[in-house]
Amino acid sequence: MTGRQSFSGLQEADLNALAQVGKLVLILDGRNELDAPSRKRAAAEIKALQREFTGLSIVVTTRRQALDV
């Protein structure tokens, strides 16, 4: 994220600190567009983020017809 223009000036340490104290929310859109192996990998990576950053909030969106969550 720190490499994106909209986050210029932020360092990885800044985002880590925000995630640790519950001041960062990741919004992940398009779960329904992933194939099965990619969904499995995304789920594993999200779980790893939740373990590492206990204050991190994550919102995952999908289309209504793809509610096999």
PDB file of N, CA and C in Angstrom:
ATOM      1  N   MET A   1       0.813  -1.193   0.000  1.00  0.00           N
ATOM      2  CA  MET A   1       0.000   0.000   0.000  1.00  0.00           C
ATOM      3  C   MET A   1       0.855   1.254   0.000  1.00  0.00           C
ATOM      4  N   THR A   2       1.982   1.209   0.658  1.00  0.00           N
ATOM      5  CA  THR A   2       2.798   2.418   0.759  1.00  0.00           C
ATOM      6  C   THR A   2       3.363   2.841  -0.589  1.00  0.00           C
ATOM      7  N   GLY A   3       3.350   1.952  -1.566  1.00  0.00           N
ATOM      8  CA  GLY A   3       3.835   2.293  -2.901  1.00  0.00           C
ATOM      9  C   GLY A   3       2.798   2.992  -3.765  1.00  0.00           C
ATOM     10  N   ARG A   4       1.574   3.082  -3.308  1.00  0.00           N
ATOM     11  CA  ARG A   4       0.499   3.720  -4.075  1.00  0.00           C
ATOM     12  C   ARG A   4       0.514   5.225  -3.844  1.00  0.00           C
ATOM     13  N   GLN A   5       0.199   5.977  -4.877  1.00  0.00           N
ATOM     14  CA  GLN A   5       0.216   7.436  -4.814  1.00  0.00           C
ATOM     15  C   GLN A   5      -0.672   7.979  -3.692  1.00  0.00           C
ATOM     16  N   SER A   6      -1.832   7.359  -3.498  1.00  0.00           N
ATOM     17  CA  SER A   6      -2.760   7.872  -2.481  1.00  0.00           C
ATOM     18  C   SER A   6      -2.232   7.715  -1.056  1.00  0.00           C
ATOM     19  N   PHE A   7      -1.200   6.909  -0.870  1.00  0.00           N
ATOM     20  CA  PHE A   7      -0.613   6.711   0.455  1.00  0.00           C
ATOM     21  C   PHE A   7       0.794   7.308   0.541  1.00  0.00           C
ATOM     22  N   SER A   8       1.140   8.192  -0.374  1.00  0.00           N
ATOM     23  CA  SER A   8       2.480   8.770  -0.357  1.00  0.00           C
ATOM     24  C   SER A   8       2.711   9.485   0.973  1.00  0.00           C
ATOM     25  N   GLY A   9       3.886   9.341   1.496  1.00  0.00           N
ATOM     26  CA  GLY A   9       4.225   9.943   2.778  1.00  0.00           C
ATOM     27  C   GLY A   9       4.037   9.003   3.953  1.00  0.00           C
ATOM     28  N   LEU A  10       3.296   7.923   3.750  1.00  0.00           N
ATOM     29  CA  LEU A  10       3.125   6.934   4.817  1.00  0.00           C
ATOM     30  C   LEU A  10       4.197   5.860   4.708  1.00  0.00           C
ATOM     31  N   GLN A  11       4.682   5.444   5.824  1.00  0.00           N
ATOM     32  CA  GLN A  11       5.650   4.363   5.879  1.00  0.00           C
ATOM     33  C   GLN A  11       4.944   3.094   6.343  1.00  0.00           C
ATOM     34  N   GLU A  12       5.531   1.952   6.076  1.00  0.00           N
ATOM     35  CA  GLU A  12       4.955   0.684   6.520  1.00  0.00           C
ATOM     36  C   GLU A  12       4.751   0.676   8.031  1.00  0.00           C
ATOM     37  N   ALA A  13       5.702   1.250   8.761  1.00  0.00           N
ATOM     38  CA  ALA A  13       5.593   1.304  10.225  1.00  0.00           C
ATOM     39  C   ALA A  13       4.355   2.094  10.660  1.00  0.00           C
ATOM     40  N   ASP A  14       4.001   3.140   9.908  1.00  0.00           N
ATOM     41  CA  ASP A  14       2.799   3.923  10.225  1.00  0.00           C
ATOM     42  C   ASP A  14       1.546   3.062  10.099  1.00  0.00           C
ATOM     43  N   LEU A  15       1.455   2.305   9.015  1.00  0.00           N
ATOM     44  CA  LEU A  15       0.296   1.434   8.806  1.00  0.00           C
ATOM     45  C   LEU A  15       0.250   0.324   9.843  1.00  0.00           C
ATOM     46  N   ASN A  16       1.400  -0.227  10.184  1.00  0.00           N
ATOM     47  CA  ASN A  16       1.459  -1.263  11.226  1.00  0.00           C
ATOM     48  C   ASN A  16       0.945  -0.727  12.552  1.00  0.00           C
ATOM     49  N   ALA A  17       1.373   0.479  12.906  1.00  0.00           N
ATOM     50  CA  ALA A  17       0.942   1.080  14.169  1.00  0.00           C
ATOM     51  C   ALA A  17      -0.565   1.327  14.163  1.00  0.00           C
ATOM     52  N   LEU A  18      -1.103   1.818  13.060  1.00  0.00           N
ATOM     53  CA  LEU A  18      -2.541   2.043  12.965  1.00  0.00           C
ATOM     54  C   LEU A  18      -3.312   0.732  13.095  1.00  0.00           C
ATOM     55  N   ALA A  19      -2.814  -0.320  12.463  1.00  0.00           N
ATOM     56  CA  ALA A  19      -3.477  -1.630  12.526  1.00  0.00           C
ATOM     57  C   ALA A  19      -3.465  -2.190  13.939  1.00  0.00           C
ATOM     58  N   GLN A  20      -2.381  -2.008  14.651  1.00  0.00           N
ATOM     59  CA  GLN A  20      -2.265  -2.541  16.010  1.00  0.00           C
ATOM     60  C   GLN A  20      -3.258  -1.906  16.978  1.00  0.00           C
ATOM     61  N   VAL A  21      -3.562  -0.643  16.774  1.00  0.00           N
ATOM     62  CA  VAL A  21      -4.440   0.055  17.721  1.00  0.00           C
ATOM     63  C   VAL A  21      -5.875   0.204  17.217  1.00  0.00           C
ATOM     64  N   GLY A  22      -6.219  -0.508  16.166  1.00  0.00           N
ATOM     65  CA  GLY A  22      -7.596  -0.502  15.683  1.00  0.00           C
ATOM     66  C   GLY A  22      -8.005   0.724  14.895  1.00  0.00           C
ATOM     67  N   LYS A  23      -7.047   1.380  14.281  1.00  0.00           N
ATOM     68  CA  LYS A  23      -7.339   2.593  13.512  1.00  0.00           C
ATOM     69  C   LYS A  23      -7.171   2.388  12.013  1.00  0.00           C
ATOM     70  N   LEU A  24      -7.113   1.139  11.580  1.00  0.00           N
ATOM     71  CA  LEU A  24      -6.965   0.839  10.155  1.00  0.00           C
ATOM     72  C   LEU A  24      -8.023  -0.183   9.757  1.00  0.00           C
ATOM     73  N   VAL A  25      -8.686   0.093   8.654  1.00  0.00           N
ATOM     74  CA  VAL A  25      -9.680  -0.827   8.120  1.00  0.00           C
ATOM     75  C   VAL A  25      -9.287  -1.142   6.682  1.00  0.00           C
ATOM     76  N   LEU A  26      -9.170  -2.428   6.372  1.00  0.00           N
ATOM     77  CA  LEU A  26      -8.941  -2.856   5.000  1.00  0.00           C
ATOM     78  C   LEU A  26     -10.288  -3.237   4.398  1.00  0.00           C
ATOM     79  N   ILE A  27     -10.569  -2.712   3.217  1.00  0.00           N
ATOM     80  CA  ILE A  27     -11.797  -3.055   2.510  1.00  0.00           C
ATOM     81  C   ILE A  27     -11.384  -3.823   1.263  1.00  0.00           C
ATOM     82  N   LEU A  28     -11.758  -5.080   1.230  1.00  0.00           N
ATOM     83  CA  LEU A  28     -11.377  -5.967   0.132  1.00  0.00           C
ATOM     84  C   LEU A  28     -12.629  -6.291  -0.671  1.00  0.00           C
ATOM     85  N   ASP A  29     -12.648  -5.856  -1.915  1.00  0.00           N
ATOM     86  CA  ASP A  29     -13.813  -6.028  -2.768  1.00  0.00           C
ATOM     87  C   ASP A  29     -13.526  -7.066  -3.847  1.00  0.00           C
ATOM     88  N   GLY A  30     -14.547  -7.815  -4.207  1.00  0.00           N
ATOM     89  CA  GLY A  30     -14.433  -8.710  -5.343  1.00  0.00           C
ATOM     90  C   GLY A  30     -14.122 -10.149  -5.009  1.00  0.00           C
ATOM     91  N   ARG A  31     -14.435 -10.577  -3.816  1.00  0.00           N
ATOM     92  CA  ARG A  31     -14.170 -11.976  -3.444  1.00  0.00           C
ATOM     93  C   ARG A  31     -14.778 -12.936  -4.456  1.00  0.00           C
ATOM     94  N   ASN A  32     -15.959 -12.604  -4.971  1.00  0.00           N
ATOM     95  CA  ASN A  32     -16.645 -13.462  -5.933  1.00  0.00           C
ATOM     96  C   ASN A  32     -15.882 -13.598  -7.252  1.00  0.00           C
ATOM     97  N   GLU A  33     -14.933 -12.737  -7.499  1.00  0.00           N
ATOM     98  CA  GLU A  33     -14.177 -12.788  -8.751  1.00  0.00           C
ATOM     99  C   GLU A  33     -12.949 -13.690  -8.657  1.00  0.00           C
ATOM    100  N   LEU A  34     -12.678 -14.219  -7.492  1.00  0.00           N
ATOM    101  CA  LEU A  34     -11.527 -15.096  -7.302  1.00  0.00           C
ATOM    102  C   LEU A  34     -11.907 -16.540  -7.605  1.00  0.00           C
ATOM    103  N   ASP A  35     -10.959 -17.274  -8.166  1.00  0.00           N
ATOM    104  CA  ASP A  35     -11.192 -18.708  -8.341  1.00  0.00           C
ATOM    105  C   ASP A  35     -10.966 -19.403  -6.994  1.00  0.00           C
ATOM    106  N   ALA A  36     -11.330 -20.653  -6.911  1.00  0.00           N
ATOM    107  CA  ALA A  36     -11.283 -21.386  -5.632  1.00  0.00           C
ATOM    108  C   ALA A  36      -9.902 -21.354  -4.978  1.00  0.00           C
ATOM    109  N   PRO A  37      -8.812 -21.651  -5.717  1.00  0.00           N
ATOM    110  CA  PRO A  37      -7.495 -21.595  -5.065  1.00  0.00           C
ATOM    111  C   PRO A  37      -7.142 -20.194  -4.559  1.00  0.00           C
ATOM    112  N   SER A  38      -7.538 -19.167  -5.305  1.00  0.00           N
ATOM    113  CA  SER A  38      -7.253 -17.792  -4.882  1.00  0.00           C
ATOM    114  C   SER A  38      -8.069 -17.411  -3.659  1.00  0.00           C
ATOM    115  N   ARG A  39      -9.310 -17.876  -3.572  1.00  0.00           N
ATOM    116  CA  ARG A  39     -10.130 -17.621  -2.376  1.00  0.00           C
ATOM    117  C   ARG A  39      -9.499 -18.268  -1.156  1.00  0.00           C
ATOM    118  N   LYS A  40      -8.999 -19.487  -1.342  1.00  0.00           N
ATOM    119  CA  LYS A  40      -8.355 -20.198  -0.230  1.00  0.00           C
ATOM    120  C   LYS A  40      -7.105 -19.440   0.239  1.00  0.00           C
ATOM    121  N   ARG A  41      -6.305 -18.986  -0.715  1.00  0.00           N
ATOM    122  CA  ARG A  41      -5.097 -18.230  -0.369  1.00  0.00           C
ATOM    123  C   ARG A  41      -5.458 -16.911   0.305  1.00  0.00           C
ATOM    124  N   ALA A  42      -6.468 -16.212  -0.223  1.00  0.00           N
ATOM    125  CA  ALA A  42      -6.887 -14.944   0.378  1.00  0.00           C
ATOM    126  C   ALA A  42      -7.354 -15.155   1.808  1.00  0.00           C
ATOM    127  N   ALA A  43      -8.115 -16.218   2.044  1.00  0.00           N
ATOM    128  CA  ALA A  43      -8.594 -16.508   3.402  1.00  0.00           C
ATOM    129  C   ALA A  43      -7.418 -16.747   4.343  1.00  0.00           C
ATOM    130  N   ALA A  44      -6.426 -17.486   3.887  1.00  0.00           N
ATOM    131  CA  ALA A  44      -5.245 -17.755   4.719  1.00  0.00           C
ATOM    132  C   ALA A  44      -4.474 -16.469   5.012  1.00  0.00           C
ATOM    133  N   GLU A  45      -4.348 -15.610   4.027  1.00  0.00           N
ATOM    134  CA  GLU A  45      -3.611 -14.352   4.220  1.00  0.00           C
ATOM    135  C   GLU A  45      -4.374 -13.409   5.155  1.00  0.00           C
ATOM    136  N   ILE A  46      -5.704 -13.389   5.032  1.00  0.00           N
ATOM    137  CA  ILE A  46      -6.514 -12.556   5.923  1.00  0.00           C
ATOM    138  C   ILE A  46      -6.378 -13.045   7.361  1.00  0.00           C
ATOM    139  N   LYS A  47      -6.411 -14.358   7.562  1.00  0.00           N
ATOM    140  CA  LYS A  47      -6.241 -14.910   8.907  1.00  0.00           C
ATOM    141  C   LYS A  47      -4.872 -14.548   9.475  1.00  0.00           C
ATOM    142  N   ALA A  48      -3.843 -14.586   8.633  1.00  0.00           N
ATOM    143  CA  ALA A  48      -2.500 -14.218   9.088  1.00  0.00           C
ATOM    144  C   ALA A  48      -2.455 -12.747   9.499  1.00  0.00           C
ATOM    145  N   LEU A  49      -3.099 -11.876   8.730  1.00  0.00           N
ATOM    146  CA  LEU A  49      -3.154 -10.461   9.091  1.00  0.00           C
ATOM    147  C   LEU A  49      -3.871 -10.265  10.423  1.00  0.00           C
ATOM    148  N   GLN A  50      -4.956 -11.003  10.617  1.00  0.00           N
ATOM    149  CA  GLN A  50      -5.707 -10.882  11.869  1.00  0.00           C
ATOM    150  C   GLN A  50      -4.892 -11.350  13.069  1.00  0.00           C
ATOM    151  N   ARG A  51      -4.070 -12.379  12.877  1.00  0.00           N
ATOM    152  CA  ARG A  51      -3.203 -12.841  13.976  1.00  0.00           C
ATOM    153  C   ARG A  51      -2.119 -11.819  14.282  1.00  0.00           C
ATOM    154  N   GLU A  52      -1.539 -11.245  13.236  1.00  0.00           N
ATOM    155  CA  GLU A  52      -0.426 -10.318  13.415  1.00  0.00           C
ATOM    156  C   GLU A  52      -0.878  -8.951  13.921  1.00  0.00           C
ATOM    157  N   PHE A  53      -2.020  -8.492  13.445  1.00  0.00           N
ATOM    158  CA  PHE A  53      -2.522  -7.163  13.797  1.00  0.00           C
ATOM    159  C   PHE A  53      -3.894  -7.312  14.440  1.00  0.00           C
ATOM    160  N   THR A  54      -3.907  -7.499  15.744  1.00  0.00           N
ATOM    161  CA  THR A  54      -5.142  -7.830  16.445  1.00  0.00           C
ATOM    162  C   THR A  54      -6.171  -6.709  16.417  1.00  0.00           C
ATOM    163  N   GLY A  55      -5.764  -5.480  16.183  1.00  0.00           N
ATOM    164  CA  GLY A  55      -6.704  -4.368  16.119  1.00  0.00           C
ATOM    165  C   GLY A  55      -7.215  -4.081  14.723  1.00  0.00           C
ATOM    166  N   LEU A  56      -6.722  -4.790  13.734  1.00  0.00           N
ATOM    167  CA  LEU A  56      -7.077  -4.550  12.338  1.00  0.00           C
ATOM    168  C   LEU A  56      -8.516  -4.962  12.060  1.00  0.00           C
ATOM    169  N   SER A  57      -9.243  -4.092  11.377  1.00  0.00           N
ATOM    170  CA  SER A  57     -10.594  -4.424  10.914  1.00  0.00           C
ATOM    171  C   SER A  57     -10.524  -4.718   9.421  1.00  0.00           C
ATOM    172  N   ILE A  58     -11.251  -5.739   9.004  1.00  0.00           N
ATOM    173  CA  ILE A  58     -11.253  -6.127   7.596  1.00  0.00           C
ATOM    174  C   ILE A  58     -12.696  -6.303   7.150  1.00  0.00           C
ATOM    175  N   VAL A  59     -13.032  -5.671   6.040  1.00  0.00           N
ATOM    176  CA  VAL A  59     -14.346  -5.820   5.426  1.00  0.00           C
ATOM    177  C   VAL A  59     -14.126  -6.486   4.078  1.00  0.00           C
ATOM    178  N   VAL A  60     -14.805  -7.606   3.859  1.00  0.00           N
ATOM    179  CA  VAL A  60     -14.703  -8.323   2.588  1.00  0.00           C
ATOM    180  C   VAL A  60     -16.076  -8.294   1.938  1.00  0.00           C
ATOM    181  N   THR A  61     -16.118  -7.844   0.691  1.00  0.00           N
ATOM    182  CA  THR A  61     -17.397  -7.748   0.001  1.00  0.00           C
ATOM    183  C   THR A  61     -17.470  -8.733  -1.148  1.00  0.00           C
ATOM    184  N   THR A  62     -18.692  -9.098  -1.469  1.00  0.00           N
ATOM    185  CA  THR A  62     -18.960  -9.986  -2.596  1.00  0.00           C
ATOM    186  C   THR A  62     -20.364  -9.694  -3.091  1.00  0.00           C
ATOM    187  N   ARG A  63     -20.692 -10.196  -4.242  1.00  0.00           N
ATOM    188  CA  ARG A  63     -22.053 -10.034  -4.744  1.00  0.00           C
ATOM    189  C   ARG A  63     -22.977 -10.980  -4.035  1.00  0.00           C
ATOM    190  N   ARG A  64     -24.226 -10.605  -3.945  1.00  0.00           N
ATOM    191  CA  ARG A  64     -25.214 -11.377  -3.215  1.00  0.00           C
ATOM    192  C   ARG A  64     -25.288 -12.829  -3.686  1.00  0.00           C
ATOM    193  N   GLN A  65     -25.242 -13.094  -4.971  1.00  0.00           N
ATOM    194  CA  GLN A  65     -25.378 -14.463  -5.466  1.00  0.00           C
ATOM    195  C   GLN A  65     -24.164 -15.333  -5.148  1.00  0.00           C
ATOM    196  N   ALA A  66     -23.111 -14.761  -4.609  1.00  0.00           N
ATOM    197  CA  ALA A  66     -21.898 -15.530  -4.307  1.00  0.00           C
ATOM    198  C   ALA A  66     -21.687 -15.690  -2.810  1.00  0.00           C
ATOM    199  N   LEU A  67     -22.732 -15.843  -2.050  1.00  0.00           N
ATOM    200  CA  LEU A  67     -22.625 -15.885  -0.593  1.00  0.00           C
ATOM    201  C   LEU A  67     -22.322 -17.274  -0.052  1.00  0.00           C
ATOM    202  N   ASP A  68     -21.252 -17.875  -0.495  1.00  0.00           N
ATOM    203  CA  ASP A  68     -20.814 -19.168   0.047  1.00  0.00           C
ATOM    204  C   ASP A  68     -19.748 -18.964   1.106  1.00  0.00           C
ATOM    205  N   VAL A  69     -19.776 -17.827   1.770  1.00  0.00           N
ATOM    206  CA  VAL A  69     -18.771 -17.453   2.754  1.00  0.00           C
ATOM    207  C   VAL A  69     -18.880 -18.328   3.983  1.00  0.00           C
TER     208      VAL A  69
END
